C-alpha cells in the first residue's frame, strides 16, 4: 500500500502595506493507490515571533521574501516545517489504514440477493 499526499495552499493573509504574510490556510489529502481510499486534513500556519506567540514577519529582515516573489513551494515549506508534515501525513495514513482494515473485516449486502 502506498499513499500519495497532495499539499495545497488555500489562502494567505498579509499586511497590505508591507506584504508580510502572517497566516496561511492549507490542506493536505492522501489517497491509497491500491484502494483509492482517501482522507484529508486542513489547518492554519501562523507566523510566530521568537517567543512563540503570533507575530507579523519583519519586512526589513534580510531573509524576508516579498509577497510578489512568493510561490507555493516557498509557502508550503513554511507550513510543513516543525513536524507539521509528518504529523498530518501520519494522521491521514492512520485514518486510511483504519478504513481499509474495517472494510476488509466487515461487509454489507443480503444473503438472499443474487450476486
PDB file of N, CA and C in Angstrom:
ATOM      1  N   UNK A   1       0.847  -1.173   0.000  1.00  0.00           N
ATOM      2  CA  UNK A   1       0.000   0.000   0.000  1.00  0.00           C
ATOM      3  C   UNK A   1       0.892   1.235   0.000  1.00  0.00           C
ATOM      4  N   UNK A   2       0.632   2.131  -0.919  1.00  0.00           N
ATOM      5  CA  UNK A   2       1.346   3.402  -0.985  1.00  0.00           C
ATOM      6  C   UNK A   2       0.331   4.535  -0.996  1.00  0.00           C
ATOM      7  N   UNK A   3       0.584   5.521  -0.169  1.00  0.00           N
ATOM      8  CA  UNK A   3      -0.311   6.669  -0.096  1.00  0.00           C
ATOM      9  C   UNK A   3       0.383   7.867  -0.740  1.00  0.00           C
ATOM     10  N   UNK A   4      -0.329   8.522  -1.633  1.00  0.00           N
ATOM     11  CA  UNK A   4       0.172   9.729  -2.279  1.00  0.00           C
ATOM     12  C   UNK A   4      -0.451  10.933  -1.582  1.00  0.00           C
ATOM     13  N   UNK A   5       0.389  11.869  -1.165  1.00  0.00           N
ATOM     14  CA  UNK A   5      -0.075  13.066  -0.462  1.00  0.00           C
ATOM     15  C   UNK A   5      -0.007  14.277  -1.387  1.00  0.00           C
ATOM     16  N   UNK A   6      -1.021  15.125  -1.276  1.00  0.00           N
ATOM     17  CA  UNK A   6      -1.053  16.375  -2.032  1.00  0.00           C
ATOM     18  C   UNK A   6      -1.306  17.513  -1.052  1.00  0.00           C
ATOM     19  N   UNK A   7      -0.362  18.425  -0.995  1.00  0.00           N
ATOM     20  CA  UNK A   7      -0.480  19.611  -0.141  1.00  0.00           C
ATOM     21  C   UNK A   7      -0.847  20.810  -1.016  1.00  0.00           C
ATOM     22  N   UNK A   8      -1.679  21.703  -0.484  1.00  0.00           N
ATOM     23  CA  UNK A   8      -2.006  22.917  -1.226  1.00  0.00           C
ATOM     24  C   UNK A   8      -2.278  24.070  -0.267  1.00  0.00           C
ATOM     25  N   UNK A   9      -2.108  25.263  -0.793  1.00  0.00           N
ATOM     26  CA  UNK A   9      -2.389  26.487  -0.054  1.00  0.00           C
ATOM     27  C   UNK A   9      -3.769  26.968  -0.469  1.00  0.00           C
ATOM     28  N   UNK A  10      -4.622  27.214   0.508  1.00  0.00           N
ATOM     29  CA  UNK A  10      -5.991  27.655   0.238  1.00  0.00           C
ATOM     30  C   UNK A  10      -6.138  29.172   0.286  1.00  0.00           C
ATOM     31  N   UNK A  11      -5.364  29.832   1.153  1.00  0.00           N
ATOM     32  CA  UNK A  11      -5.442  31.287   1.264  1.00  0.00           C
ATOM     33  C   UNK A  11      -4.246  31.784   2.061  1.00  0.00           C
ATOM     34  N   UNK A  12      -3.897  33.047   1.859  1.00  0.00           N
ATOM     35  CA  UNK A  12      -2.838  33.687   2.626  1.00  0.00           C
ATOM     36  C   UNK A  12      -3.338  35.038   3.116  1.00  0.00           C
ATOM     37  N   UNK A  13      -2.944  35.385   4.330  1.00  0.00           N
ATOM     38  CA  UNK A  13      -3.340  36.648   4.949  1.00  0.00           C
ATOM     39  C   UNK A  13      -2.071  37.467   5.152  1.00  0.00           C
ATOM     40  N   UNK A  14      -2.114  38.728   4.719  1.00  0.00           N
ATOM     41  CA  UNK A  14      -0.912  39.556   4.761  1.00  0.00           C
ATOM     42  C   UNK A  14      -1.246  40.982   5.128  1.00  0.00           C
ATOM     43  N   UNK A  15      -0.205  41.691   5.521  1.00  0.00           N
ATOM     44  CA  UNK A  15      -0.313  43.125   5.753  1.00  0.00           C
ATOM     45  C   UNK A  15      -0.148  43.784   4.383  1.00  0.00           C
ATOM     46  N   UNK A  16      -1.149  44.500   3.935  1.00  0.00           N
ATOM     47  CA  UNK A  16      -1.139  45.061   2.580  1.00  0.00           C
ATOM     48  C   UNK A  16       0.035  46.016   2.360  1.00  0.00           C
ATOM     49  N   UNK A  17       0.364  46.814   3.339  1.00  0.00           N
ATOM     50  CA  UNK A  17       1.407  47.828   3.165  1.00  0.00           C
ATOM     51  C   UNK A  17       2.806  47.234   3.004  1.00  0.00           C
ATOM     52  N   UNK A  18       3.064  46.105   3.679  1.00  0.00           N
ATOM     53  CA  UNK A  18       4.411  45.526   3.653  1.00  0.00           C
ATOM     54  C   UNK A  18       4.492  44.212   2.882  1.00  0.00           C
ATOM     55  N   UNK A  19       3.350  43.573   2.664  1.00  0.00           N
ATOM     56  CA  UNK A  19       3.340  42.265   2.014  1.00  0.00           C
ATOM     57  C   UNK A  19       3.736  41.134   2.938  1.00  0.00           C
ATOM     58  N   UNK A  20       3.798  41.398   4.217  1.00  0.00           N
ATOM     59  CA  UNK A  20       4.202  40.386   5.197  1.00  0.00           C
ATOM     60  C   UNK A  20       3.057  39.393   5.428  1.00  0.00           C
ATOM     61  N   UNK A  21       3.281  38.140   5.063  1.00  0.00           N
ATOM     62  CA  UNK A  21       2.282  37.088   5.245  1.00  0.00           C
ATOM     63  C   UNK A  21       2.386  36.574   6.677  1.00  0.00           C
ATOM     64  N   UNK A  22       1.301  36.668   7.417  1.00  0.00           N
ATOM     65  CA  UNK A  22       1.313  36.252   8.814  1.00  0.00           C
ATOM     66  C   UNK A  22       0.475  34.995   9.065  1.00  0.00           C
ATOM     67  N   UNK A  23      -0.399  34.624   8.125  1.00  0.00           N
ATOM     68  CA  UNK A  23      -1.208  33.412   8.290  1.00  0.00           C
ATOM     69  C   UNK A  23      -1.457  32.765   6.937  1.00  0.00           C
ATOM     70  N   UNK A  24      -1.409  31.414   6.938  1.00  0.00           N
ATOM     71  CA  UNK A  24      -1.621  30.637   5.717  1.00  0.00           C
ATOM     72  C   UNK A  24      -2.612  29.518   6.021  1.00  0.00           C
ATOM     73  N   UNK A  25      -3.641  29.397   5.208  1.00  0.00           N
ATOM     74  CA  UNK A  25      -4.600  28.294   5.322  1.00  0.00           C
ATOM     75  C   UNK A  25      -4.193  27.220   4.315  1.00  0.00           C
ATOM     76  N   UNK A  26      -4.066  25.979   4.781  1.00  0.00           N
ATOM     77  CA  UNK A  26      -3.554  24.887   3.944  1.00  0.00           C
ATOM     78  C   UNK A  26      -4.452  23.657   4.026  1.00  0.00           C
ATOM     79  N   UNK A  27      -4.243  22.735   3.091  1.00  0.00           N
ATOM     80  CA  UNK A  27      -4.900  21.431   3.167  1.00  0.00           C
ATOM     81  C   UNK A  27      -3.932  20.368   2.666  1.00  0.00           C
ATOM     82  N   UNK A  28      -4.150  19.159   3.152  1.00  0.00           N
ATOM     83  CA  UNK A  28      -3.352  18.008   2.740  1.00  0.00           C
ATOM     84  C   UNK A  28      -4.308  16.840   2.537  1.00  0.00           C
ATOM     85  N   UNK A  29      -4.197  16.179   1.398  1.00  0.00           N
ATOM     86  CA  UNK A  29      -5.024  14.999   1.152  1.00  0.00           C
ATOM     87  C   UNK A  29      -4.110  13.828   0.843  1.00  0.00           C
ATOM     88  N   UNK A  30      -4.582  12.657   1.209  1.00  0.00           N
ATOM     89  CA  UNK A  30      -3.848  11.433   0.937  1.00  0.00           C
ATOM     90  C   UNK A  30      -4.765  10.428   0.273  1.00  0.00           C
ATOM     91  N   UNK A  31      -4.231   9.696  -0.713  1.00  0.00           N
ATOM     92  CA  UNK A  31      -5.003   8.682  -1.432  1.00  0.00           C
ATOM     93  C   UNK A  31      -4.183   7.405  -1.487  1.00  0.00           C
ATOM     94  N   UNK A  32      -4.785   6.296  -1.041  1.00  0.00           N
ATOM     95  CA  UNK A  32      -4.139   4.995  -1.160  1.00  0.00           C
ATOM     96  C   UNK A  32      -4.214   4.554  -2.621  1.00  0.00           C
ATOM     97  N   UNK A  33      -3.079   4.255  -3.212  1.00  0.00           N
ATOM     98  CA  UNK A  33      -3.019   3.928  -4.640  1.00  0.00           C
ATOM     99  C   UNK A  33      -3.711   2.605  -4.978  1.00  0.00           C
ATOM    100  N   UNK A  34      -3.778   1.679  -4.021  1.00  0.00           N
ATOM    101  CA  UNK A  34      -4.378   0.369  -4.294  1.00  0.00           C
ATOM    102  C   UNK A  34      -5.901   0.372  -4.190  1.00  0.00           C
ATOM    103  N   UNK A  35      -6.438   1.119  -3.218  1.00  0.00           N
ATOM    104  CA  UNK A  35      -7.877   1.062  -2.951  1.00  0.00           C
ATOM    105  C   UNK A  35      -8.621   2.355  -3.284  1.00  0.00           C
ATOM    106  N   UNK A  36      -7.889   3.402  -3.579  1.00  0.00           N
ATOM    107  CA  UNK A  36      -8.444   4.746  -3.823  1.00  0.00           C
ATOM    108  C   UNK A  36      -9.106   5.341  -2.589  1.00  0.00           C
ATOM    109  N   UNK A  37      -8.854   4.758  -1.424  1.00  0.00           N
ATOM    110  CA  UNK A  37      -9.362   5.319  -0.177  1.00  0.00           C
ATOM    111  C   UNK A  37      -8.632   6.625   0.088  1.00  0.00           C
ATOM    112  N   UNK A  38      -9.373   7.653   0.484  1.00  0.00           N
ATOM    113  CA  UNK A  38      -8.744   8.953   0.689  1.00  0.00           C
ATOM    114  C   UNK A  38      -9.236   9.625   1.966  1.00  0.00           C
ATOM    115  N   UNK A  39      -8.411  10.474   2.483  1.00  0.00           N
ATOM    116  CA  UNK A  39      -8.740  11.307   3.635  1.00  0.00           C
ATOM    117  C   UNK A  39      -7.958  12.605   3.485  1.00  0.00           C
ATOM    118  N   UNK A  40      -8.431  13.642   4.170  1.00  0.00           N
ATOM    119  CA  UNK A  40      -7.734  14.917   4.095  1.00  0.00           C
ATOM    120  C   UNK A  40      -7.811  15.644   5.429  1.00  0.00           C
ATOM    121  N   UNK A  41      -6.933  16.612   5.561  1.00  0.00           N
ATOM    122  CA  UNK A  41      -6.892  17.473   6.737  1.00  0.00           C
ATOM    123  C   UNK A  41      -6.610  18.888   6.254  1.00  0.00           C
ATOM    124  N   UNK A  42      -7.012  19.850   7.037  1.00  0.00           N
ATOM    125  CA  UNK A  42      -6.689  21.230   6.721  1.00  0.00           C
ATOM    126  C   UNK A  42      -6.318  21.933   8.017  1.00  0.00           C
ATOM    127  N   UNK A  43      -5.640  23.054   7.867  1.00  0.00           N
ATOM    128  CA  UNK A  43      -5.218  23.777   9.051  1.00  0.00           C
ATOM    129  C   UNK A  43      -4.708  25.152   8.698  1.00  0.00           C
ATOM    130  N   UNK A  44      -4.113  25.783   9.695  1.00  0.00           N
ATOM    131  CA  UNK A  44      -3.605  27.133   9.548  1.00  0.00           C
ATOM    132  C   UNK A  44      -2.185  27.204  10.074  1.00  0.00           C
ATOM    133  N   UNK A  45      -1.319  27.801   9.278  1.00  0.00           N
ATOM    134  CA  UNK A  45       0.036  28.141   9.722  1.00  0.00           C
ATOM    135  C   UNK A  45      -0.007  29.582  10.200  1.00  0.00           C
ATOM    136  N   UNK A  46       0.515  29.817  11.376  1.00  0.00           N
ATOM    137  CA  UNK A  46       0.561  31.169  11.922  1.00  0.00           C
ATOM    138  C   UNK A  46       2.021  31.533  12.156  1.00  0.00           C
ATOM    139  N   UNK A  47       2.476  32.625  11.542  1.00  0.00           N
ATOM    140  CA  UNK A  47       3.842  33.076  11.779  1.00  0.00           C
ATOM    141  C   UNK A  47       3.980  33.431  13.252  1.00  0.00           C
ATOM    142  N   UNK A  48       5.092  33.058  13.853  1.00  0.00           N
ATOM    143  CA  UNK A  48       5.312  33.357  15.264  1.00  0.00           C
ATOM    144  C   UNK A  48       6.628  34.097  15.454  1.00  0.00           C
ATOM    145  N   UNK A  49       6.691  34.821  16.540  1.00  0.00           N
ATOM    146  CA  UNK A  49       7.903  35.535  16.910  1.00  0.00           C
ATOM    147  C   UNK A  49       8.852  34.609  17.648  1.00  0.00           C
ATOM    148  N   UNK A  50       9.952  35.155  18.106  1.00  0.00           N
ATOM    149  CA  UNK A  50      10.962  34.375  18.828  1.00  0.00           C
ATOM    150  C   UNK A  50      10.413  33.731  20.099  1.00  0.00           C
ATOM    151  N   UNK A  51       9.406  34.343  20.697  1.00  0.00           N
ATOM    152  CA  UNK A  51       8.836  33.802  21.923  1.00  0.00           C
ATOM    153  C   UNK A  51       7.716  32.797  21.665  1.00  0.00           C
ATOM    154  N   UNK A  52       7.425  32.521  20.381  1.00  0.00           N
ATOM    155  CA  UNK A  52       6.399  31.542  20.036  1.00  0.00           C
ATOM    156  C   UNK A  52       5.007  32.104  19.910  1.00  0.00           C
ATOM    157  N   UNK A  53       4.829  33.378  20.179  1.00  0.00           N
ATOM    158  CA  UNK A  53       3.496  33.971  20.068  1.00  0.00           C
ATOM    159  C   UNK A  53       3.269  34.476  18.641  1.00  0.00           C
ATOM    160  N   UNK A  54       2.000  34.572  18.214  1.00  0.00           N
ATOM    161  CA  UNK A  54       1.705  35.057  16.856  1.00  0.00           C
ATOM    162  C   UNK A  54       2.342  36.427  16.621  1.00  0.00           C
ATOM    163  N   UNK A  55       2.900  36.590  15.432  1.00  0.00           N
ATOM    164  CA  UNK A  55       3.581  37.847  15.107  1.00  0.00           C
ATOM    165  C   UNK A  55       3.516  38.090  13.606  1.00  0.00           C
ATOM    166  N   UNK A  56       3.771  39.310  13.231  1.00  0.00           N
ATOM    167  CA  UNK A  56       3.863  39.667  11.814  1.00  0.00           C
ATOM    168  C   UNK A  56       5.338  39.624  11.421  1.00  0.00           C
ATOM    169  N   UNK A  57       5.672  38.979  10.306  1.00  0.00           N
ATOM    170  CA  UNK A  57       7.075  38.930   9.883  1.00  0.00           C
ATOM    171  C   UNK A  57       7.660  40.333   9.681  1.00  0.00           C
ATOM    172  N   UNK A  58       8.927  40.459   9.994  1.00  0.00           N
ATOM    173  CA  UNK A  58       9.640  41.728   9.832  1.00  0.00           C
ATOM    174  C   UNK A  58      10.005  41.916   8.367  1.00  0.00           C
ATOM    175  N   UNK A  59       9.347  42.845   7.717  1.00  0.00           N
ATOM    176  CA  UNK A  59       9.581  43.056   6.295  1.00  0.00           C
ATOM    177  C   UNK A  59      10.936  43.707   6.005  1.00  0.00           C
ATOM    178  N   UNK A  60      11.672  44.100   7.053  1.00  0.00           N
ATOM    179  CA  UNK A  60      13.014  44.664   6.854  1.00  0.00           C
ATOM    180  C   UNK A  60      14.112  43.633   7.095  1.00  0.00           C
ATOM    181  N   UNK A  61      13.738  42.419   7.497  1.00  0.00           N
ATOM    182  CA  UNK A  61      14.731  41.370   7.765  1.00  0.00           C
ATOM    183  C   UNK A  61      15.397  40.914   6.474  1.00  0.00           C
ATOM    184  N   UNK A  62      16.634  40.478   6.580  1.00  0.00           N
ATOM    185  CA  UNK A  62      17.397  40.077   5.387  1.00  0.00           C
ATOM    186  C   UNK A  62      16.821  38.842   4.705  1.00  0.00           C
ATOM    187  N   UNK A  63      16.134  37.977   5.449  1.00  0.00           N
ATOM    188  CA  UNK A  63      15.577  36.764   4.850  1.00  0.00           C
ATOM    189  C   UNK A  63      14.099  36.905   4.462  1.00  0.00           C
ATOM    190  N   UNK A  64      13.561  38.110   4.547  1.00  0.00           N
ATOM    191  CA  UNK A  64      12.166  38.359   4.180  1.00  0.00           C
ATOM    192  C   UNK A  64      11.986  38.156   2.679  1.00  0.00           C
ATOM    193  N   UNK A  65      10.931  37.429   2.315  1.00  0.00           N
ATOM    194  CA  UNK A  65      10.613  37.219   0.898  1.00  0.00           C
ATOM    195  C   UNK A  65       9.397  38.077   0.574  1.00  0.00           C
ATOM    196  N   UNK A  66       9.554  38.955  -0.403  1.00  0.00           N
ATOM    197  CA  UNK A  66       8.467  39.844  -0.791  1.00  0.00           C
ATOM    198  C   UNK A  66       7.265  39.035  -1.274  1.00  0.00           C
ATOM    199  N   UNK A  67       6.082  39.534  -0.990  1.00  0.00           N
ATOM    200  CA  UNK A  67       4.843  38.855  -1.358  1.00  0.00           C
ATOM    201  C   UNK A  67       4.825  38.470  -2.836  1.00  0.00           C
ATOM    202  N   UNK A  68       5.213  39.383  -3.699  1.00  0.00           N
ATOM    203  CA  UNK A  68       5.206  39.121  -5.140  1.00  0.00           C
ATOM    204  C   UNK A  68       6.214  38.063  -5.566  1.00  0.00           C
ATOM    205  N   UNK A  69       7.196  37.774  -4.705  1.00  0.00           N
ATOM    206  CA  UNK A  69       8.217  36.775  -5.021  1.00  0.00           C
ATOM    207  C   UNK A  69       7.876  35.394  -4.463  1.00  0.00           C
ATOM    208  N   UNK A  70       6.802  35.306  -3.699  1.00  0.00           N
ATOM    209  CA  UNK A  70       6.420  34.019  -3.110  1.00  0.00           C
ATOM    210  C   UNK A  70       5.838  33.092  -4.174  1.00  0.00           C
ATOM    211  N   UNK A  71       6.092  31.792  -4.000  1.00  0.00           N
ATOM    212  CA  UNK A  71       5.410  30.776  -4.798  1.00  0.00           C
ATOM    213  C   UNK A  71       4.930  29.694  -3.838  1.00  0.00           C
ATOM    214  N   UNK A  72       4.149  28.769  -4.348  1.00  0.00           N
ATOM    215  CA  UNK A  72       3.551  27.761  -3.478  1.00  0.00           C
ATOM    216  C   UNK A  72       4.601  26.914  -2.777  1.00  0.00           C
ATOM    217  N   UNK A  73       5.701  26.622  -3.441  1.00  0.00           N
ATOM    218  CA  UNK A  73       6.755  25.805  -2.826  1.00  0.00           C
ATOM    219  C   UNK A  73       7.348  26.489  -1.595  1.00  0.00           C
ATOM    220  N   UNK A  74       7.585  27.783  -1.670  1.00  0.00           N
ATOM    221  CA  UNK A  74       8.131  28.516  -0.517  1.00  0.00           C
ATOM    222  C   UNK A  74       7.150  28.475   0.648  1.00  0.00           C
ATOM    223  N   UNK A  75       5.887  28.772   0.358  1.00  0.00           N
ATOM    224  CA  UNK A  75       4.883  28.840   1.416  1.00  0.00           C
ATOM    225  C   UNK A  75       4.630  27.447   2.013  1.00  0.00           C
ATOM    226  N   UNK A  76       4.597  26.413   1.177  1.00  0.00           N
ATOM    227  CA  UNK A  76       4.441  25.054   1.711  1.00  0.00           C
ATOM    228  C   UNK A  76       5.621  24.679   2.598  1.00  0.00           C
ATOM    229  N   UNK A  77       6.801  25.201   2.292  1.00  0.00           N
ATOM    230  CA  UNK A  77       7.955  24.975   3.161  1.00  0.00           C
ATOM    231  C   UNK A  77       7.716  25.516   4.559  1.00  0.00           C
ATOM    232  N   UNK A  78       7.109  26.697   4.666  1.00  0.00           N
ATOM    233  CA  UNK A  78       6.770  27.255   5.976  1.00  0.00           C
ATOM    234  C   UNK A  78       5.773  26.340   6.692  1.00  0.00           C
ATOM    235  N   UNK A  79       4.733  25.933   5.957  1.00  0.00           N
ATOM    236  CA  UNK A  79       3.642  25.139   6.528  1.00  0.00           C
ATOM    237  C   UNK A  79       4.146  23.786   7.028  1.00  0.00           C
ATOM    238  N   UNK A  80       4.982  23.127   6.251  1.00  0.00           N
ATOM    239  CA  UNK A  80       5.414  21.761   6.567  1.00  0.00           C
ATOM    240  C   UNK A  80       6.510  21.698   7.630  1.00  0.00           C
ATOM    241  N   UNK A  81       7.048  22.823   8.002  1.00  0.00           N
ATOM    242  CA  UNK A  81       8.151  22.880   8.956  1.00  0.00           C
ATOM    243  C   UNK A  81       7.712  22.441  10.364  1.00  0.00           C
ATOM    244  N   UNK A  82       8.667  22.130  11.188  1.00  0.00           N
ATOM    245  CA  UNK A  82       8.451  21.829  12.610  1.00  0.00           C
ATOM    246  C   UNK A  82       7.531  20.635  12.861  1.00  0.00           C
ATOM    247  N   UNK A  83       7.609  19.622  12.023  1.00  0.00           N
ATOM    248  CA  UNK A  83       6.870  18.394  12.252  1.00  0.00           C
ATOM    249  C   UNK A  83       5.435  18.387  11.771  1.00  0.00           C
ATOM    250  N   UNK A  84       4.963  19.484  11.201  1.00  0.00           N
ATOM    251  CA  UNK A  84       3.571  19.563  10.754  1.00  0.00           C
ATOM    252  C   UNK A  84       3.307  18.557   9.631  1.00  0.00           C
ATOM    253  N   UNK A  85       4.243  18.429   8.711  1.00  0.00           N
ATOM    254  CA  UNK A  85       4.064  17.484   7.610  1.00  0.00           C
ATOM    255  C   UNK A  85       3.991  16.051   8.127  1.00  0.00           C
ATOM    256  N   UNK A  86       4.951  15.654   8.933  1.00  0.00           N
ATOM    257  CA  UNK A  86       4.978  14.280   9.451  1.00  0.00           C
ATOM    258  C   UNK A  86       3.737  13.985  10.287  1.00  0.00           C
ATOM    259  N   UNK A  87       3.332  14.924  11.116  1.00  0.00           N
ATOM    260  CA  UNK A  87       2.171  14.724  11.978  1.00  0.00           C
ATOM    261  C   UNK A  87       0.901  14.523  11.157  1.00  0.00           C
ATOM    262  N   UNK A  88       0.635  15.410  10.214  1.00  0.00           N
ATOM    263  CA  UNK A  88      -0.605  15.333   9.437  1.00  0.00           C
ATOM    264  C   UNK A  88      -0.615  14.166   8.465  1.00  0.00           C
ATOM    265  N   UNK A  89       0.503  13.877   7.825  1.00  0.00           N
ATOM    266  CA  UNK A  89       0.559  12.707   6.951  1.00  0.00           C
ATOM    267  C   UNK A  89       0.414  11.425   7.762  1.00  0.00           C
ATOM    268  N   UNK A  90       0.921  11.415   8.986  1.00  0.00           N
ATOM    269  CA  UNK A  90       0.740  10.264   9.862  1.00  0.00           C
ATOM    270  C   UNK A  90      -0.717  10.043  10.232  1.00  0.00           C
ATOM    271  N   UNK A  91      -1.429  11.126  10.549  1.00  0.00           N
ATOM    272  CA  UNK A  91      -2.858  11.007  10.872  1.00  0.00           C
ATOM    273  C   UNK A  91      -3.666  10.535   9.674  1.00  0.00           C
ATOM    274  N   UNK A  92      -3.379  11.086   8.510  1.00  0.00           N
ATOM    275  CA  UNK A  92      -4.087  10.676   7.292  1.00  0.00           C
ATOM    276  C   UNK A  92      -3.818   9.201   7.005  1.00  0.00           C
ATOM    277  N   UNK A  93      -2.571   8.783   7.120  1.00  0.00           N
ATOM    278  CA  UNK A  93      -2.213   7.382   6.897  1.00  0.00           C
ATOM    279  C   UNK A  93      -2.964   6.473   7.862  1.00  0.00           C
ATOM    280  N   UNK A  94      -2.995   6.851   9.118  1.00  0.00           N
ATOM    281  CA  UNK A  94      -3.703   6.056  10.127  1.00  0.00           C
ATOM    282  C   UNK A  94      -5.197   5.963   9.802  1.00  0.00           C
ATOM    283  N   UNK A  95      -5.803   7.072   9.413  1.00  0.00           N
ATOM    284  CA  UNK A  95      -7.230   7.069   9.071  1.00  0.00           C
ATOM    285  C   UNK A  95      -7.507   6.169   7.865  1.00  0.00           C
ATOM    286  N   UNK A  96      -6.666   6.274   6.848  1.00  0.00           N
ATOM    287  CA  UNK A  96      -6.849   5.433   5.656  1.00  0.00           C
ATOM    288  C   UNK A  96      -6.678   3.957   6.015  1.00  0.00           C
ATOM    289  N   UNK A  97      -5.661   3.643   6.796  1.00  0.00           N
ATOM    290  CA  UNK A  97      -5.438   2.248   7.196  1.00  0.00           C
ATOM    291  C   UNK A  97      -6.611   1.703   8.006  1.00  0.00           C
ATOM    292  N   UNK A  98      -7.174   2.518   8.888  1.00  0.00           N
ATOM    293  CA  UNK A  98      -8.327   2.083   9.675  1.00  0.00           C
ATOM    294  C   UNK A  98      -9.534   1.790   8.784  1.00  0.00           C
ATOM    295  N   UNK A  99      -9.756   2.617   7.787  1.00  0.00           N
ATOM    296  CA  UNK A  99     -10.871   2.391   6.862  1.00  0.00           C
ATOM    297  C   UNK A  99     -10.662   1.113   6.064  1.00  0.00           C
ATOM    298  N   UNK A 100      -9.451   0.926   5.546  1.00  0.00           N
ATOM    299  CA  UNK A 100      -9.151  -0.274   4.754  1.00  0.00           C
ATOM    300  C   UNK A 100      -9.307  -1.525   5.604  1.00  0.00           C
ATOM    301  N   UNK A 101      -8.832  -1.479   6.853  1.00  0.00           N
ATOM    302  CA  UNK A 101      -8.961  -2.628   7.757  1.00  0.00           C
ATOM    303  C   UNK A 101     -10.426  -2.922   8.056  1.00  0.00           C
ATOM    304  N   UNK A 102     -11.213  -1.875   8.321  1.00  0.00           N
ATOM    305  CA  UNK A 102     -12.636  -2.069   8.613  1.00  0.00           C
ATOM    306  C   UNK A 102     -13.363  -2.663   7.420  1.00  0.00           C
ATOM    307  N   UNK A 103     -13.011  -2.217   6.221  1.00  0.00           N
ATOM    308  CA  UNK A 103     -13.658  -2.749   5.027  1.00  0.00           C
ATOM    309  C   UNK A 103     -13.273  -4.207   4.782  1.00  0.00           C
ATOM    310  N   UNK A 104     -12.075  -4.592   5.203  1.00  0.00           N
ATOM    311  CA  UNK A 104     -11.611  -5.968   4.997  1.00  0.00           C
ATOM    312  C   UNK A 104     -12.312  -6.946   5.934  1.00  0.00           C
ATOM    313  N   UNK A 105     -12.706  -6.499   7.125  1.00  0.00           N
ATOM    314  CA  UNK A 105     -13.320  -7.409   8.091  1.00  0.00           C
ATOM    315  C   UNK A 105     -14.834  -7.266   8.164  1.00  0.00           C
ATOM    316  N   UNK A 106     -15.381  -6.277   7.512  1.00  0.00           N
ATOM    317  CA  UNK A 106     -16.825  -6.058   7.506  1.00  0.00           C
ATOM    318  C   UNK A 106     -17.331  -6.121   6.069  1.00  0.00           C
ATOM    319  N   UNK A 107     -18.576  -6.442   5.928  1.00  0.00           N
ATOM    320  CA  UNK A 107     -19.172  -6.475   4.599  1.00  0.00           C
ATOM    321  C   UNK A 107     -20.624  -6.046   4.704  1.00  0.00           C
ATOM    322  N   UNK A 108     -21.228  -5.843   3.561  1.00  0.00           N
ATOM    323  CA  UNK A 108     -22.637  -5.478   3.538  1.00  0.00           C
ATOM    324  C   UNK A 108     -23.331  -6.306   2.477  1.00  0.00           C
ATOM    325  N   UNK A 109     -24.627  -6.239   2.469  1.00  0.00           N
ATOM    326  CA  UNK A 109     -25.396  -6.994   1.489  1.00  0.00           C
ATOM    327  C   UNK A 109     -26.441  -7.849   2.169  1.00  0.00           C
ATOM    328  N   UNK A 110     -27.170  -8.637   1.383  1.00  0.00           N
ATOM    329  CA  UNK A 110     -28.239  -9.506   1.898  1.00  0.00           C
ATOM    330  C   UNK A 110     -27.983 -10.922   1.382  1.00  0.00           C
ATOM    331  N   UNK A 111     -28.181 -11.919   2.218  1.00  0.00           N
ATOM    332  CA  UNK A 111     -27.881 -13.280   1.808  1.00  0.00           C
ATOM    333  C   UNK A 111     -28.811 -13.780   0.704  1.00  0.00           C
ATOM    334  N   UNK A 112     -29.953 -13.195   0.541  1.00  0.00           N
ATOM    335  CA  UNK A 112     -30.881 -13.663  -0.479  1.00  0.00           C
ATOM    336  C   UNK A 112     -30.743 -12.924  -1.806  1.00  0.00           C
ATOM    337  N   UNK A 113     -29.903 -11.892  -1.839  1.00  0.00           N
ATOM    338  CA  UNK A 113     -29.736 -11.148  -3.075  1.00  0.00           C
ATOM    339  C   UNK A 113     -28.812 -11.916  -4.020  1.00  0.00           C
ATOM    340  N   UNK A 114     -29.154 -11.906  -5.286  1.00  0.00           N
ATOM    341  CA  UNK A 114     -28.305 -12.579  -6.290  1.00  0.00           C
ATOM    342  C   UNK A 114     -27.025 -11.782  -6.462  1.00  0.00           C
ATOM    343  N   UNK A 115     -25.979 -12.481  -6.622  1.00  0.00           N
ATOM    344  CA  UNK A 115     -24.690 -11.826  -6.808  1.00  0.00           C
ATOM    345  C   UNK A 115     -24.369 -11.630  -8.244  1.00  0.00           C
TER     346      UNK A 115
END
